[in-house]
Full PDB file with SEQRES, HELIX, SHEET, SSBOND, CRYST1, ORIGX, SCALE, CONECT and MASTER records, all heavy atoms in Angstrom:
SEQRES   1 A   35  GLN ARG GLN GLY TRP TRP VAL TYR SER GLU THR GLN GLU          
SEQRES   2 A   35  ARG PRO THR LYS ARG GLN LEU ALA GLU GLN ASP VAL LEU          
SEQRES   3 A   35  LEU GLN ASP GLY PHE ASP GLN ILE THR                          
HELIX    1 AA1 LYS A   17  GLU A   22  1                                   6    
CRYST1    1.000    1.000    1.000  90.00  90.00  90.00 P 1           1          
ORIGX1      1.000000  0.000000  0.000000        0.00000                         
ORIGX2      0.000000  1.000000  0.000000        0.00000                         
ORIGX3      0.000000  0.000000  1.000000        0.00000                         
SCALE1      1.000000  0.000000  0.000000        0.00000                         
SCALE2      0.000000  1.000000  0.000000        0.00000                         
SCALE3      0.000000  0.000000  1.000000        0.00000                         
ATOM      1  N   GLN A   1       0.839  -1.206  -0.007  1.00  0.00           N  
ATOM      2  CA  GLN A   1       0.018  -0.002   0.035  1.00  0.00           C  
ATOM      3  C   GLN A   1       0.887   1.259   0.001  1.00  0.00           C  
ATOM      4  O   GLN A   1       1.686   1.452   0.894  1.00  0.00           O  
ATOM      5  CB  GLN A   1      -0.912  -0.017   1.208  1.00  0.00           C  
ATOM      6  CG  GLN A   1      -2.114  -0.952   1.106  1.00  0.00           C  
ATOM      7  CD  GLN A   1      -2.973  -0.928   2.301  1.00  0.00           C  
ATOM      8  OE1 GLN A   1      -2.679  -1.517   3.335  1.00  0.00           O  
ATOM      9  NE2 GLN A   1      -4.094  -0.227   2.196  1.00  0.00           N  
ATOM     10  N   ARG A   2       0.713   2.072  -1.040  1.00  0.00           N  
ATOM     11  CA  ARG A   2       1.502   3.322  -1.112  1.00  0.00           C  
ATOM     12  C   ARG A   2       0.790   4.422  -0.318  1.00  0.00           C  
ATOM     13  O   ARG A   2      -0.429   4.440  -0.227  1.00  0.00           O  
ATOM     14  CB  ARG A   2       1.603   3.720  -2.620  1.00  0.00           C  
ATOM     15  CG  ARG A   2       2.556   2.839  -3.397  1.00  0.00           C  
ATOM     16  CD  ARG A   2       2.518   3.170  -4.862  1.00  0.00           C  
ATOM     17  NE  ARG A   2       3.410   2.381  -5.612  1.00  0.00           N  
ATOM     18  CZ  ARG A   2       4.641   2.870  -6.022  1.00  0.00           C  
ATOM     19  NH1 ARG A   2       4.991   4.062  -5.743  1.00  0.00           N  
ATOM     20  NH2 ARG A   2       5.440   2.113  -6.724  1.00  0.00           N  
ATOM     21  N   GLN A   3       1.650   5.314   0.146  1.00  0.00           N  
ATOM     22  CA  GLN A   3       1.124   6.509   0.847  1.00  0.00           C  
ATOM     23  C   GLN A   3       2.177   7.610   0.708  1.00  0.00           C  
ATOM     24  O   GLN A   3       3.256   7.385   0.148  1.00  0.00           O  
ATOM     25  CB  GLN A   3       0.769   6.249   2.303  1.00  0.00           C  
ATOM     26  CG  GLN A   3       2.021   5.932   3.165  1.00  0.00           C  
ATOM     27  CD  GLN A   3       1.703   5.987   4.597  1.00  0.00           C  
ATOM     28  OE1 GLN A   3       0.769   6.561   5.053  1.00  0.00           O  
ATOM     29  NE2 GLN A   3       2.575   5.301   5.416  1.00  0.00           N  
ATOM     30  N   GLY A   4       1.809   8.787   1.230  1.00  0.00           N  
ATOM     31  CA  GLY A   4       2.716   9.922   1.134  1.00  0.00           C  
ATOM     32  C   GLY A   4       3.709   9.922   2.263  1.00  0.00           C  
ATOM     33  O   GLY A   4       3.389   9.574   3.422  1.00  0.00           O  
ATOM     34  N   TRP A   5       4.961  10.327   1.991  1.00  0.00           N  
ATOM     35  CA  TRP A   5       6.057  10.375   2.978  1.00  0.00           C  
ATOM     36  C   TRP A   5       6.811  11.703   2.759  1.00  0.00           C  
ATOM     37  O   TRP A   5       7.066  12.093   1.664  1.00  0.00           O  
ATOM     38  CB  TRP A   5       7.057   9.229   2.826  1.00  0.00           C  
ATOM     39  CG  TRP A   5       6.403   7.908   2.860  1.00  0.00           C  
ATOM     40  CD1 TRP A   5       5.819   7.213   1.845  1.00  0.00           C  
ATOM     41  CD2 TRP A   5       6.316   7.023   3.997  1.00  0.00           C  
ATOM     42  NE1 TRP A   5       5.362   5.998   2.283  1.00  0.00           N  
ATOM     43  CE2 TRP A   5       5.678   5.839   3.572  1.00  0.00           C  
ATOM     44  CE3 TRP A   5       6.718   7.129   5.322  1.00  0.00           C  
ATOM     45  CZ2 TRP A   5       5.411   4.800   4.452  1.00  0.00           C  
ATOM     46  CZ3 TRP A   5       6.512   6.049   6.174  1.00  0.00           C  
ATOM     47  CH2 TRP A   5       5.862   4.891   5.753  1.00  0.00           C  
ATOM     48  N   TRP A   6       7.226  12.307   3.906  1.00  0.00           N  
ATOM     49  CA  TRP A   6       8.129  13.445   3.884  1.00  0.00           C  
ATOM     50  C   TRP A   6       9.547  12.843   3.957  1.00  0.00           C  
ATOM     51  O   TRP A   6       9.880  12.088   4.864  1.00  0.00           O  
ATOM     52  CB  TRP A   6       7.943  14.397   4.981  1.00  0.00           C  
ATOM     53  CG  TRP A   6       6.839  15.400   4.800  1.00  0.00           C  
ATOM     54  CD1 TRP A   6       5.735  15.559   5.580  1.00  0.00           C  
ATOM     55  CD2 TRP A   6       6.756  16.402   3.829  1.00  0.00           C  
ATOM     56  NE1 TRP A   6       4.894  16.580   5.107  1.00  0.00           N  
ATOM     57  CE2 TRP A   6       5.553  17.115   3.984  1.00  0.00           C  
ATOM     58  CE3 TRP A   6       7.577  16.794   2.719  1.00  0.00           C  
ATOM     59  CZ2 TRP A   6       5.148  18.197   3.208  1.00  0.00           C  
ATOM     60  CZ3 TRP A   6       7.133  17.843   1.959  1.00  0.00           C  
ATOM     61  CH2 TRP A   6       5.998  18.535   2.206  1.00  0.00           C  
ATOM     62  N   VAL A   7      10.407  13.240   3.036  1.00  0.00           N  
ATOM     63  CA  VAL A   7      11.825  12.810   3.066  1.00  0.00           C  
ATOM     64  C   VAL A   7      12.684  14.021   3.367  1.00  0.00           C  
ATOM     65  O   VAL A   7      12.550  15.045   2.658  1.00  0.00           O  
ATOM     66  CB  VAL A   7      12.230  12.194   1.700  1.00  0.00           C  
ATOM     67  CG1 VAL A   7      13.663  11.705   1.754  1.00  0.00           C  
ATOM     68  CG2 VAL A   7      11.276  11.040   1.322  1.00  0.00           C  
ATOM     69  N   TYR A   8      13.539  13.927   4.363  1.00  0.00           N  
ATOM     70  CA  TYR A   8      14.365  15.056   4.791  1.00  0.00           C  
ATOM     71  C   TYR A   8      15.831  14.748   4.375  1.00  0.00           C  
ATOM     72  O   TYR A   8      16.399  13.676   4.730  1.00  0.00           O  
ATOM     73  CB  TYR A   8      14.290  15.254   6.340  1.00  0.00           C  
ATOM     74  CG  TYR A   8      12.922  15.709   6.807  1.00  0.00           C  
ATOM     75  CD1 TYR A   8      11.888  14.790   7.020  1.00  0.00           C  
ATOM     76  CD2 TYR A   8      12.704  17.078   7.042  1.00  0.00           C  
ATOM     77  CE1 TYR A   8      10.628  15.213   7.431  1.00  0.00           C  
ATOM     78  CE2 TYR A   8      11.400  17.501   7.466  1.00  0.00           C  
ATOM     79  CZ  TYR A   8      10.423  16.544   7.662  1.00  0.00           C  
ATOM     80  OH  TYR A   8       9.159  17.000   8.054  1.00  0.00           O  
ATOM     81  N   SER A   9      16.420  15.731   3.676  1.00  0.00           N  
ATOM     82  CA  SER A   9      17.808  15.596   3.299  1.00  0.00           C  
ATOM     83  C   SER A   9      18.711  16.211   4.348  1.00  0.00           C  
ATOM     84  O   SER A   9      18.336  17.030   5.169  1.00  0.00           O  
ATOM     85  CB  SER A   9      18.049  16.317   1.952  1.00  0.00           C  
ATOM     86  OG  SER A   9      17.273  15.728   0.898  1.00  0.00           O  
ATOM     87  N   GLU A  10      19.994  15.777   4.324  1.00  0.00           N  
ATOM     88  CA  GLU A  10      20.939  16.361   5.256  1.00  0.00           C  
ATOM     89  C   GLU A  10      21.413  17.723   4.798  1.00  0.00           C  
ATOM     90  O   GLU A  10      21.926  18.537   5.595  1.00  0.00           O  
ATOM     91  CB  GLU A  10      22.126  15.407   5.388  1.00  0.00           C  
ATOM     92  CG  GLU A  10      21.803  14.065   6.065  1.00  0.00           C  
ATOM     93  CD  GLU A  10      22.928  13.102   6.083  1.00  0.00           C  
ATOM     94  OE1 GLU A  10      23.950  13.381   5.398  1.00  0.00           O  
ATOM     95  OE2 GLU A  10      22.885  12.092   6.777  1.00  0.00           O  
ATOM     96  N   THR A  11      21.253  18.005   3.495  1.00  0.00           N  
ATOM     97  CA  THR A  11      21.646  19.242   2.928  1.00  0.00           C  
ATOM     98  C   THR A  11      20.508  19.800   2.095  1.00  0.00           C  
ATOM     99  O   THR A  11      19.348  19.371   2.282  1.00  0.00           O  
ATOM    100  CB  THR A  11      22.938  19.140   2.034  1.00  0.00           C  
ATOM    101  OG1 THR A  11      22.585  18.296   0.930  1.00  0.00           O  
ATOM    102  CG2 THR A  11      24.066  18.467   2.806  1.00  0.00           C  
ATOM    103  N   GLN A  12      20.795  20.695   1.145  1.00  0.00           N  
ATOM    104  CA  GLN A  12      19.726  21.269   0.243  1.00  0.00           C  
ATOM    105  C   GLN A  12      19.649  20.431  -1.002  1.00  0.00           C  
ATOM    106  O   GLN A  12      18.899  20.804  -1.884  1.00  0.00           O  
ATOM    107  CB  GLN A  12      20.080  22.724  -0.085  1.00  0.00           C  
ATOM    108  CG  GLN A  12      19.949  23.688   1.071  1.00  0.00           C  
ATOM    109  CD  GLN A  12      20.049  25.126   0.704  1.00  0.00           C  
ATOM    110  OE1 GLN A  12      20.132  25.447  -0.490  1.00  0.00           O  
ATOM    111  NE2 GLN A  12      19.988  26.028   1.665  1.00  0.00           N  
ATOM    112  N   GLU A  13      20.353  19.332  -1.085  1.00  0.00           N  
ATOM    113  CA  GLU A  13      20.284  18.480  -2.221  1.00  0.00           C  
ATOM    114  C   GLU A  13      19.277  17.318  -2.032  1.00  0.00           C  
ATOM    115  O   GLU A  13      18.968  16.967  -0.871  1.00  0.00           O  
ATOM    116  CB  GLU A  13      21.699  17.860  -2.538  1.00  0.00           C  
ATOM    117  CG  GLU A  13      22.756  18.948  -2.800  1.00  0.00           C  
ATOM    118  CD  GLU A  13      22.431  19.801  -4.021  1.00  0.00           C  
ATOM    119  OE1 GLU A  13      21.918  19.235  -5.022  1.00  0.00           O  
ATOM    120  OE2 GLU A  13      22.711  21.029  -3.947  1.00  0.00           O  
ATOM    121  N   ARG A  14      18.843  16.751  -3.120  1.00  0.00           N  
ATOM    122  CA  ARG A  14      17.992  15.519  -3.080  1.00  0.00           C  
ATOM    123  C   ARG A  14      18.238  14.710  -4.305  1.00  0.00           C  
ATOM    124  O   ARG A  14      18.787  15.227  -5.331  1.00  0.00           O  
ATOM    125  CB  ARG A  14      16.498  15.939  -3.025  1.00  0.00           C  
ATOM    126  CG  ARG A  14      15.993  16.602  -4.271  1.00  0.00           C  
ATOM    127  CD  ARG A  14      14.432  16.520  -4.358  1.00  0.00           C  
ATOM    128  NE  ARG A  14      13.935  17.340  -5.467  1.00  0.00           N  
ATOM    129  CZ  ARG A  14      13.923  16.998  -6.722  1.00  0.00           C  
ATOM    130  NH1 ARG A  14      14.456  15.845  -7.100  1.00  0.00           N  
ATOM    131  NH2 ARG A  14      13.417  17.741  -7.634  1.00  0.00           N  
ATOM    132  N   PRO A  15      17.844  13.440  -4.267  1.00  0.00           N  
ATOM    133  CA  PRO A  15      18.007  12.615  -5.479  1.00  0.00           C  
ATOM    134  C   PRO A  15      17.099  13.108  -6.617  1.00  0.00           C  
ATOM    135  O   PRO A  15      16.114  13.775  -6.364  1.00  0.00           O  
ATOM    136  CB  PRO A  15      17.531  11.194  -5.040  1.00  0.00           C  
ATOM    137  CG  PRO A  15      17.658  11.231  -3.542  1.00  0.00           C  
ATOM    138  CD  PRO A  15      17.394  12.615  -3.121  1.00  0.00           C  
ATOM    139  N   THR A  16      17.518  12.873  -7.832  1.00  0.00           N  
ATOM    140  CA  THR A  16      16.714  13.299  -9.005  1.00  0.00           C  
ATOM    141  C   THR A  16      15.496  12.455  -9.094  1.00  0.00           C  
ATOM    142  O   THR A  16      15.361  11.394  -8.492  1.00  0.00           O  
ATOM    143  CB  THR A  16      17.551  13.238 -10.262  1.00  0.00           C  
ATOM    144  OG1 THR A  16      17.830  11.847 -10.524  1.00  0.00           O  
ATOM    145  CG2 THR A  16      18.824  14.046 -10.117  1.00  0.00           C  
ATOM    146  N   LYS A  17      14.514  12.960  -9.919  1.00  0.00           N  
ATOM    147  CA  LYS A  17      13.309  12.163 -10.224  1.00  0.00           C  
ATOM    148  C   LYS A  17      13.660  10.746 -10.718  1.00  0.00           C  
ATOM    149  O   LYS A  17      13.051   9.760 -10.360  1.00  0.00           O  
ATOM    150  CB  LYS A  17      12.467  12.867 -11.211  1.00  0.00           C  
ATOM    151  CG  LYS A  17      11.508  13.880 -10.640  1.00  0.00           C  
ATOM    152  CD  LYS A  17      10.486  14.380 -11.645  1.00  0.00           C  
ATOM    153  CE  LYS A  17       9.479  15.301 -11.046  1.00  0.00           C  
ATOM    154  NZ  LYS A  17       8.446  15.765 -12.033  1.00  0.00           N  
ATOM    155  N   ARG A  18      14.654  10.724 -11.649  1.00  0.00           N  
ATOM    156  CA  ARG A  18      15.057   9.466 -12.234  1.00  0.00           C  
ATOM    157  C   ARG A  18      15.646   8.522 -11.190  1.00  0.00           C  
ATOM    158  O   ARG A  18      15.328   7.312 -11.171  1.00  0.00           O  
ATOM    159  CB  ARG A  18      16.054   9.715 -13.298  1.00  0.00           C  
ATOM    160  CG  ARG A  18      16.474   8.423 -14.062  1.00  0.00           C  
ATOM    161  CD  ARG A  18      17.313   8.803 -15.289  1.00  0.00           C  
ATOM    162  NE  ARG A  18      17.733   7.643 -16.033  1.00  0.00           N  
ATOM    163  CZ  ARG A  18      18.377   7.593 -17.163  1.00  0.00           C  
ATOM    164  NH1 ARG A  18      18.795   8.748 -17.701  1.00  0.00           N  
ATOM    165  NH2 ARG A  18      18.699   6.492 -17.739  1.00  0.00           N  
ATOM    166  N   GLN A  19      16.475   9.065 -10.309  1.00  0.00           N  
ATOM    167  CA  GLN A  19      17.033   8.177  -9.240  1.00  0.00           C  
ATOM    168  C   GLN A  19      15.988   7.638  -8.338  1.00  0.00           C  
ATOM    169  O   GLN A  19      15.968   6.477  -7.873  1.00  0.00           O  
ATOM    170  CB  GLN A  19      18.074   8.965  -8.451  1.00  0.00           C  
ATOM    171  CG  GLN A  19      19.365   9.287  -9.241  1.00  0.00           C  
ATOM    172  CD  GLN A  19      20.285  10.233  -8.472  1.00  0.00           C  
ATOM    173  OE1 GLN A  19      19.801  11.130  -7.781  1.00  0.00           O  
ATOM    174  NE2 GLN A  19      21.581  10.013  -8.579  1.00  0.00           N  
ATOM    175  N   LEU A  20      14.961   8.518  -7.984  1.00  0.00           N  
ATOM    176  CA  LEU A  20      13.864   8.021  -7.137  1.00  0.00           C  
ATOM    177  C   LEU A  20      13.012   7.002  -7.873  1.00  0.00           C  
ATOM    178  O   LEU A  20      12.567   6.009  -7.234  1.00  0.00           O  
ATOM    179  CB  LEU A  20      13.010   9.192  -6.737  1.00  0.00           C  
ATOM    180  CG  LEU A  20      13.687  10.212  -5.743  1.00  0.00           C  
ATOM    181  CD1 LEU A  20      12.825  11.452  -5.564  1.00  0.00           C  
ATOM    182  CD2 LEU A  20      13.947   9.544  -4.396  1.00  0.00           C  
ATOM    183  N   ALA A  21      12.750   7.251  -9.184  1.00  0.00           N  
ATOM    184  CA  ALA A  21      11.962   6.297  -9.937  1.00  0.00           C  
ATOM    185  C   ALA A  21      12.612   4.871 -10.000  1.00  0.00           C  
ATOM    186  O   ALA A  21      11.951   3.858  -9.986  1.00  0.00           O  
ATOM    187  CB  ALA A  21      11.688   6.809 -11.337  1.00  0.00           C  
ATOM    188  N   GLU A  22      13.958   4.892 -10.037  1.00  0.00           N  
ATOM    189  CA  GLU A  22      14.660   3.620 -10.025  1.00  0.00           C  
ATOM    190  C   GLU A  22      14.483   2.895  -8.694  1.00  0.00           C  
ATOM    191  O   GLU A  22      14.621   1.649  -8.664  1.00  0.00           O  
ATOM    192  CB  GLU A  22      16.166   3.899 -10.313  1.00  0.00           C  
ATOM    193  CG  GLU A  22      16.517   4.325 -11.682  1.00  0.00           C  
ATOM    194  CD  GLU A  22      17.899   4.708 -11.874  1.00  0.00           C  
ATOM    195  OE1 GLU A  22      18.648   4.787 -10.859  1.00  0.00           O  
ATOM    196  OE2 GLU A  22      18.360   4.959 -13.016  1.00  0.00           O  
ATOM    197  N   GLN A  23      14.172   3.587  -7.636  1.00  0.00           N  
ATOM    198  CA  GLN A  23      13.869   2.989  -6.335  1.00  0.00           C  
ATOM    199  C   GLN A  23      12.392   2.698  -6.155  1.00  0.00           C  
ATOM    200  O   GLN A  23      11.916   2.363  -5.100  1.00  0.00           O  
ATOM    201  CB  GLN A  23      14.307   3.932  -5.211  1.00  0.00           C  
ATOM    202  CG  GLN A  23      15.810   4.244  -5.233  1.00  0.00           C  
ATOM    203  CD  GLN A  23      16.628   3.057  -4.814  1.00  0.00           C  
ATOM    204  OE1 GLN A  23      16.259   2.244  -3.971  1.00  0.00           O  
ATOM    205  NE2 GLN A  23      17.862   2.963  -5.349  1.00  0.00           N  
ATOM    206  N   ASP A  24      11.607   2.907  -7.258  1.00  0.00           N  
ATOM    207  CA  ASP A  24      10.125   2.740  -7.246  1.00  0.00           C  
ATOM    208  C   ASP A  24       9.458   3.739  -6.335  1.00  0.00           C  
ATOM    209  O   ASP A  24       8.539   3.403  -5.594  1.00  0.00           O  
ATOM    210  CB  ASP A  24       9.751   1.290  -6.839  1.00  0.00           C  
ATOM    211  CG  ASP A  24       8.339   0.938  -7.187  1.00  0.00           C  
ATOM    212  OD1 ASP A  24       7.801   1.583  -8.124  1.00  0.00           O  
ATOM    213  OD2 ASP A  24       7.734   0.006  -6.572  1.00  0.00           O  
ATOM    214  N   VAL A  25       9.961   4.971  -6.374  1.00  0.00           N  
ATOM    215  CA  VAL A  25       9.441   6.069  -5.578  1.00  0.00           C  
ATOM    216  C   VAL A  25       8.999   7.171  -6.496  1.00  0.00           C  
ATOM    217  O   VAL A  25       9.736   7.522  -7.440  1.00  0.00           O  
ATOM    218  CB  VAL A  25      10.504   6.603  -4.586  1.00  0.00           C  
ATOM    219  CG1 VAL A  25      10.015   7.839  -3.876  1.00  0.00           C  
ATOM    220  CG2 VAL A  25      10.886   5.513  -3.588  1.00  0.00           C  
ATOM    221  N   LEU A  26       7.856   7.717  -6.265  1.00  0.00           N  
ATOM    222  CA  LEU A  26       7.291   8.774  -7.143  1.00  0.00           C  
ATOM    223  C   LEU A  26       7.421  10.151  -6.419  1.00  0.00           C  
ATOM    224  O   LEU A  26       6.863  10.314  -5.327  1.00  0.00           O  
ATOM    225  CB  LEU A  26       5.829   8.538  -7.457  1.00  0.00           C  
ATOM    226  CG  LEU A  26       5.136   9.571  -8.358  1.00  0.00           C  
ATOM    227  CD1 LEU A  26       5.760   9.667  -9.756  1.00  0.00           C  
ATOM    228  CD2 LEU A  26       3.643   9.212  -8.441  1.00  0.00           C  
ATOM    229  N   LEU A  27       8.138  11.085  -6.983  1.00  0.00           N  
ATOM    230  CA  LEU A  27       8.277  12.417  -6.433  1.00  0.00           C  
ATOM    231  C   LEU A  27       7.049  13.202  -6.696  1.00  0.00           C  
ATOM    232  O   LEU A  27       6.572  13.284  -7.841  1.00  0.00           O  
ATOM    233  CB  LEU A  27       9.488  13.107  -7.042  1.00  0.00           C  
ATOM    234  CG  LEU A  27       9.778  14.520  -6.580  1.00  0.00           C  
ATOM    235  CD1 LEU A  27      10.161  14.562  -5.086  1.00  0.00           C  
ATOM    236  CD2 LEU A  27      10.853  15.166  -7.404  1.00  0.00           C  
ATOM    237  N   GLN A  28       6.513  13.877  -5.672  1.00  0.00           N  
ATOM    238  CA  GLN A  28       5.311  14.678  -5.793  1.00  0.00           C  
ATOM    239  C   GLN A  28       5.728  16.134  -6.079  1.00  0.00           C  
ATOM    240  O   GLN A  28       6.342  16.754  -5.289  1.00  0.00           O  
ATOM    241  CB  GLN A  28       4.456  14.604  -4.531  1.00  0.00           C  
ATOM    242  CG  GLN A  28       3.824  13.261  -4.295  1.00  0.00           C  
ATOM    243  CD  GLN A  28       2.740  12.951  -5.283  1.00  0.00           C  
ATOM    244  OE1 GLN A  28       1.797  13.748  -5.453  1.00  0.00           O  
ATOM    245  NE2 GLN A  28       2.840  11.841  -5.961  1.00  0.00           N  
ATOM    246  N   ASP A  29       5.280  16.641  -7.209  1.00  0.00           N  
ATOM    247  CA  ASP A  29       5.619  18.044  -7.565  1.00  0.00           C  
ATOM    248  C   ASP A  29       4.800  18.993  -6.670  1.00  0.00           C  
ATOM    249  O   ASP A  29       3.699  18.745  -6.203  1.00  0.00           O  
ATOM    250  CB  ASP A  29       5.199  18.324  -9.061  1.00  0.00           C  
ATOM    251  CG  ASP A  29       6.067  17.515 -10.001  1.00  0.00           C  
ATOM    252  OD1 ASP A  29       7.244  17.273  -9.724  1.00  0.00           O  
ATOM    253  OD2 ASP A  29       5.520  17.114 -11.072  1.00  0.00           O  
ATOM    254  N   GLY A  30       5.438  20.124  -6.346  1.00  0.00           N  
ATOM    255  CA  GLY A  30       4.796  21.128  -5.534  1.00  0.00           C  
ATOM    256  C   GLY A  30       5.021  20.972  -4.059  1.00  0.00           C  
ATOM    257  O   GLY A  30       4.554  21.742  -3.284  1.00  0.00           O  
ATOM    258  N   PHE A  31       5.753  19.891  -3.644  1.00  0.00           N  
ATOM    259  CA  PHE A  31       5.997  19.668  -2.212  1.00  0.00           C  
ATOM    260  C   PHE A  31       7.523  19.529  -1.982  1.00  0.00           C  
ATOM    261  O   PHE A  31       7.986  18.656  -1.235  1.00  0.00           O  
ATOM    262  CB  PHE A  31       5.288  18.404  -1.754  1.00  0.00           C  
ATOM    263  CG  PHE A  31       3.811  18.521  -1.822  1.00  0.00           C  
ATOM    264  CD1 PHE A  31       3.161  18.032  -2.906  1.00  0.00           C  
ATOM    265  CD2 PHE A  31       3.074  19.053  -0.765  1.00  0.00           C  
ATOM    266  CE1 PHE A  31       1.767  18.094  -3.015  1.00  0.00           C  
ATOM    267  CE2 PHE A  31       1.726  19.118  -0.819  1.00  0.00           C  
ATOM    268  CZ  PHE A  31       1.041  18.647  -1.960  1.00  0.00           C  
ATOM    269  N   ASP A  32       8.295  20.388  -2.596  1.00  0.00           N  
ATOM    270  CA  ASP A  32       9.768  20.378  -2.542  1.00  0.00           C  
ATOM    271  C   ASP A  32      10.184  21.719  -1.947  1.00  0.00           C  
ATOM    272  O   ASP A  32      10.001  22.746  -2.644  1.00  0.00           O  
ATOM    273  CB  ASP A  32      10.342  20.089  -3.906  1.00  0.00           C  
ATOM    274  CG  ASP A  32      11.850  19.815  -3.841  1.00  0.00           C  
ATOM    275  OD1 ASP A  32      12.439  19.991  -2.784  1.00  0.00           O  
ATOM    276  OD2 ASP A  32      12.372  19.376  -4.876  1.00  0.00           O  
ATOM    277  N   GLN A  33      10.736  21.726  -0.729  1.00  0.00           N  
ATOM    278  CA  GLN A  33      10.972  23.039  -0.121  1.00  0.00           C  
ATOM    279  C   GLN A  33      12.226  23.004   0.751  1.00  0.00           C  
ATOM    280  O   GLN A  33      12.688  21.895   1.204  1.00  0.00           O  
ATOM    281  CB  GLN A  33       9.765  23.450   0.756  1.00  0.00           C  
ATOM    282  CG  GLN A  33       9.356  22.355   1.730  1.00  0.00           C  
ATOM    283  CD  GLN A  33       7.959  22.524   2.222  1.00  0.00           C  
ATOM    284  OE1 GLN A  33       7.739  22.561   3.443  1.00  0.00           O  
ATOM    285  NE2 GLN A  33       6.974  22.619   1.340  1.00  0.00           N  
ATOM    286  N   ILE A  34      12.761  24.153   0.975  1.00  0.00           N  
ATOM    287  CA  ILE A  34      13.932  24.331   1.901  1.00  0.00           C  
ATOM    288  C   ILE A  34      13.350  24.605   3.311  1.00  0.00           C  
ATOM    289  O   ILE A  34      12.485  25.490   3.480  1.00  0.00           O  
ATOM    290  CB  ILE A  34      14.853  25.492   1.456  1.00  0.00           C  
ATOM    291  CG1 ILE A  34      15.313  25.244   0.005  1.00  0.00           C  
ATOM    292  CG2 ILE A  34      16.016  25.617   2.413  1.00  0.00           C  
ATOM    293  CD1 ILE A  34      16.095  23.987  -0.163  1.00  0.00           C  
ATOM    294  N   THR A  35      13.829  23.909   4.266  1.00  0.00           N  
ATOM    295  CA  THR A  35      13.278  23.983   5.664  1.00  0.00           C  
ATOM    296  C   THR A  35      14.013  25.174   6.331  1.00  0.00           C  
ATOM    297  O   THR A  35      15.026  25.622   5.931  1.00  0.00           O  
ATOM    298  CB  THR A  35      13.535  22.690   6.451  1.00  0.00           C  
ATOM    299  OG1 THR A  35      14.900  22.405   6.467  1.00  0.00           O  
ATOM    300  CG2 THR A  35      12.795  21.565   5.722  1.00  0.00           C  
TER     301      THR A  35                                                      
MASTER        0    0    0    1    0    0    0    6  300    1    0    3          
END                                                                             
């Protein structure tokens, strides 16, 4: 069962969409922000 998750990076960088897709993870547009 898929659901939404917040992923926190150690820096301001994150994996690319392609890298996440290779992990079977879908990046949600509009929810990418600097804390």
